[in-house]
Protein backbone atom coordinates (compact mmCIF):
# COMPACT_ATOMS: atom_id res chain seq x y z
CA MET A 1 -6.86 1.09 10.38
CA SER A 2 -6.87 -2.44 11.73
CA ASN A 3 -6.23 -4.35 8.49
CA MET A 4 -3.86 -3.88 5.57
CA HIS A 5 -4.74 -4.89 2.03
CA VAL A 6 -1.97 -7.22 0.78
CA GLY A 7 -3.38 -8.60 -2.46
CA PHE A 8 -6.03 -10.84 -3.93
CA GLN A 9 -6.91 -14.49 -3.38
CA VAL A 10 -5.89 -16.83 -6.18
CA GLY A 11 -8.93 -18.20 -7.96
CA SER A 12 -11.72 -16.04 -6.51
CA GLY A 13 -9.99 -12.68 -6.79
CA ASP A 14 -11.34 -11.68 -3.38
CA PRO A 15 -9.30 -9.04 -1.57
CA VAL A 16 -6.95 -10.34 1.14
CA GLU A 17 -6.28 -8.27 4.25
CA VAL A 18 -4.13 -8.99 7.29
CA PRO A 19 -4.46 -7.45 10.76
CA MET A 20 -1.75 -4.93 11.57
CA HIS A 21 -1.74 -5.39 15.32
CA HIS A 22 1.51 -7.13 16.30
CA MET A 23 2.32 -8.24 12.77
CA VAL A 24 5.40 -10.34 12.05
CA VAL A 25 6.90 -11.53 8.76
CA THR A 26 9.00 -14.72 8.79
CA GLY A 27 10.67 -16.97 6.23
CA LEU A 28 13.86 -18.66 5.12
CA THR A 29 16.84 -16.38 4.64
CA ARG A 30 17.42 -15.40 0.99
CA LEU A 31 14.50 -17.54 -0.17
CA SER A 32 11.24 -16.00 0.99
CA GLY A 33 11.24 -12.27 0.23
CA LYS A 34 10.76 -11.02 3.80
CA THR A 35 12.46 -7.68 3.22
CA THR A 36 10.62 -7.06 -0.05
CA THR A 37 7.32 -7.90 1.65
CA VAL A 38 7.92 -5.56 4.58
CA GLU A 39 9.08 -2.71 2.32
CA ALA A 40 5.94 -3.09 0.17
CA MET A 41 3.69 -3.15 3.21
CA LEU A 42 5.34 -0.06 4.69
CA ALA A 43 4.90 1.75 1.40
CA ARG A 44 1.13 1.16 1.76
CA LEU A 45 0.85 2.63 5.25
CA PRO A 46 -1.43 5.65 5.36
CA GLU A 47 -0.21 9.05 6.52
CA GLY A 48 0.42 9.17 10.24
CA TYR A 49 1.44 5.53 10.64
CA SER A 50 5.03 4.40 11.13
CA ALA A 51 7.03 1.26 11.80
CA LEU A 52 10.22 0.33 13.57
CA VAL A 53 12.58 -1.92 11.60
CA PHE A 54 15.78 -3.36 13.04
CA ARG A 55 18.61 -3.64 10.52
CA THR A 56 20.73 -6.33 12.12
CA LYS A 57 23.33 -7.14 9.49
CA ARG A 58 26.33 -4.98 8.76
CA GLY A 59 26.11 -3.47 5.28
CA GLU A 60 22.40 -4.22 4.87
CA LEU A 61 21.07 -2.17 1.95
CA SER A 62 17.34 -2.39 2.49
CA PHE A 63 15.21 0.41 3.93
CA ASP A 64 17.68 3.02 2.68
CA TRP A 65 14.81 5.55 2.52
CA ALA A 66 14.05 5.22 6.24
CA ARG A 67 14.92 7.71 8.94
CA ARG A 68 17.73 6.34 11.07
CA VAL A 69 17.49 6.37 14.84
CA VAL A 70 20.85 6.34 16.57
CA PRO A 71 20.98 3.82 19.43
CA PHE A 72 21.24 5.35 22.88
CA TYR A 73 24.29 4.27 24.81
CA GLN A 74 25.62 5.89 27.93
CA GLN A 75 29.04 4.76 29.08
CA HIS A 76 28.89 3.94 32.76
CA THR A 77 32.01 2.68 34.50
CA ASP A 78 31.90 3.76 38.14
CA TRP A 79 32.92 1.29 40.85
CA GLU A 80 29.34 0.15 41.50
CA TYR A 81 28.90 -0.86 37.87
CA VAL A 82 32.20 -2.78 37.82
CA GLN A 83 31.23 -4.48 41.08
CA SER A 84 27.88 -5.58 39.65
CA LEU A 85 29.64 -7.04 36.59
CA LEU A 86 32.07 -8.99 38.75
CA GLU A 87 29.29 -10.26 41.02
CA ALA A 88 27.27 -11.39 38.00
CA ALA A 89 30.24 -13.38 36.71
């Protein structure tokens, strides 16, 4: 699947599709419906396709149906790490 059906053109009624390869959705915060758009597009993905969504705001309620992936973090504080931090500063 290289294109996703997103609706119909105003006037002609022709179907509108967008390419899925490296897709991005942008807009003004709280004015453009970015989250609603992405949720609707993800709901249309066929079986076997998935997406990675970054929830960046604390308390964000969208994508509550999604599987959560816990970030990987390994604490590393040996002397070489501390030295590299000090040298970088």
